[in-house]
């Protein structure tokens, strides 16, 4: 059975939405994601603009400004709820790991 759209978020989706806690242009997001992840996660322009369009269609973000080709976006309540749900899902996974392996330090 196919996965429901946005039932879980990819890392790129998660960080794009996280950036949109504050109003951002698309190019700002492309700079912010690697900065907030220490370069671990990058978002290409094709992926970014495709996801922004999908997030708009789903009501997870809204457009705040249009200046020529530059558009800025911000997170909506629905987008925040999706981020919160993903955060809880990730925390549950971490809790499961800790329960199985304990709080052992790495050697």
Protein backbone atom coordinates (compact mmCIF):
# COMPACT_ATOMS: atom_id res chain seq x y z
CA UNK A 1 0.00 0.00 0.00
CA UNK A 2 1.48 3.41 -0.93
CA UNK A 3 2.50 5.80 1.82
CA UNK A 4 0.17 8.74 2.38
CA UNK A 5 1.66 12.00 1.14
CA UNK A 6 3.56 13.79 3.92
CA UNK A 7 2.75 11.06 6.46
CA UNK A 8 6.45 11.24 7.24
CA UNK A 9 8.89 13.90 6.13
CA UNK A 10 12.25 13.38 4.48
CA UNK A 11 15.20 15.23 5.99
CA UNK A 12 15.01 17.80 3.22
CA UNK A 13 11.29 18.36 3.82
CA UNK A 14 11.83 18.67 7.57
CA UNK A 15 14.59 21.26 7.25
CA UNK A 16 12.79 23.29 4.58
CA UNK A 17 9.76 23.58 6.84
CA UNK A 18 11.99 24.32 9.82
CA UNK A 19 13.55 27.23 7.90
CA UNK A 20 10.07 28.61 7.27
CA UNK A 21 9.44 29.30 10.94
CA UNK A 22 10.49 32.74 9.75
CA UNK A 23 9.74 34.25 6.36
CA UNK A 24 12.31 33.17 3.76
CA UNK A 25 12.97 33.31 0.06
CA UNK A 26 13.77 30.06 -1.71
CA UNK A 27 17.43 30.99 -2.10
CA UNK A 28 17.61 31.74 1.64
CA UNK A 29 16.41 28.19 2.34
CA UNK A 30 19.11 26.74 0.08
CA UNK A 31 21.70 28.54 2.24
CA UNK A 32 20.08 27.92 5.63
CA UNK A 33 19.62 24.14 5.39
CA UNK A 34 23.34 23.30 5.02
CA UNK A 35 24.19 25.93 7.65
CA UNK A 36 21.81 24.46 10.24
CA UNK A 37 22.94 20.87 9.53
CA UNK A 38 26.68 21.47 9.36
CA UNK A 39 26.60 20.65 5.64
CA UNK A 40 25.05 17.23 6.23
CA UNK A 41 21.84 18.09 4.32
CA UNK A 42 21.68 20.06 1.09
CA UNK A 43 18.68 20.93 -1.04
CA UNK A 44 19.01 21.42 -4.78
CA UNK A 45 16.95 24.09 -6.49
CA UNK A 46 14.79 21.60 -8.41
CA UNK A 47 13.94 19.68 -5.23
CA UNK A 48 13.37 22.87 -3.25
CA UNK A 49 10.94 24.49 -5.66
CA UNK A 50 9.10 21.23 -6.27
CA UNK A 51 8.63 20.76 -2.51
CA UNK A 52 7.64 24.40 -1.97
CA UNK A 53 4.92 23.98 -4.60
CA UNK A 54 3.68 20.78 -2.92
CA UNK A 55 3.74 22.43 0.51
CA UNK A 56 1.73 25.36 -0.89
CA UNK A 57 -0.82 22.98 -2.44
CA UNK A 58 -1.19 21.18 0.91
CA UNK A 59 -1.54 24.42 2.89
CA UNK A 60 1.62 23.74 4.90
CA UNK A 61 3.17 27.05 3.89
CA UNK A 62 1.88 30.27 2.40
CA UNK A 63 3.40 32.77 0.06
CA UNK A 64 4.06 36.10 1.76
CA UNK A 65 5.74 38.22 -0.91
CA UNK A 66 6.39 38.25 -4.63
CA UNK A 67 9.13 40.49 -5.99
CA UNK A 68 9.61 39.63 -9.64
CA UNK A 69 10.68 36.00 -9.65
CA UNK A 70 11.57 36.05 -5.95
CA UNK A 71 8.91 34.64 -3.67
CA UNK A 72 8.97 34.38 0.08
CA UNK A 73 7.14 31.85 2.21
CA UNK A 74 6.25 31.17 5.82
CA UNK A 75 5.01 28.15 7.74
CA UNK A 76 1.26 27.82 8.38
CA UNK A 77 -0.42 26.19 11.37
CA UNK A 78 -0.82 23.00 9.32
CA UNK A 79 2.89 23.04 8.46
CA UNK A 80 3.79 23.51 12.12
CA UNK A 81 1.56 20.57 13.03
CA UNK A 82 3.35 18.41 10.44
CA UNK A 83 6.73 19.45 11.87
CA UNK A 84 5.52 18.72 15.40
CA UNK A 85 4.27 15.28 14.35
CA UNK A 86 7.57 14.47 12.65
CA UNK A 87 9.47 15.63 15.75
CA UNK A 88 7.37 13.32 17.96
CA UNK A 89 7.94 10.44 15.52
CA UNK A 90 11.70 10.98 15.61
CA UNK A 91 11.74 11.26 19.40
CA UNK A 92 9.86 7.97 19.64
CA UNK A 93 12.53 6.32 17.50
CA UNK A 94 15.28 7.72 19.74
CA UNK A 95 13.40 6.53 22.84
CA UNK A 96 13.09 3.05 21.32
CA UNK A 97 16.82 2.99 20.59
CA UNK A 98 17.68 4.06 24.12
CA UNK A 99 15.31 1.49 25.60
CA UNK A 100 16.89 -1.30 23.53
CA UNK A 101 20.54 -0.28 23.88
CA UNK A 102 20.41 1.73 27.09
CA UNK A 103 22.34 4.91 27.66
CA UNK A 104 25.73 3.32 27.04
CA UNK A 105 28.52 5.61 26.00
CA UNK A 106 30.28 4.88 22.73
CA UNK A 107 33.71 3.31 23.05
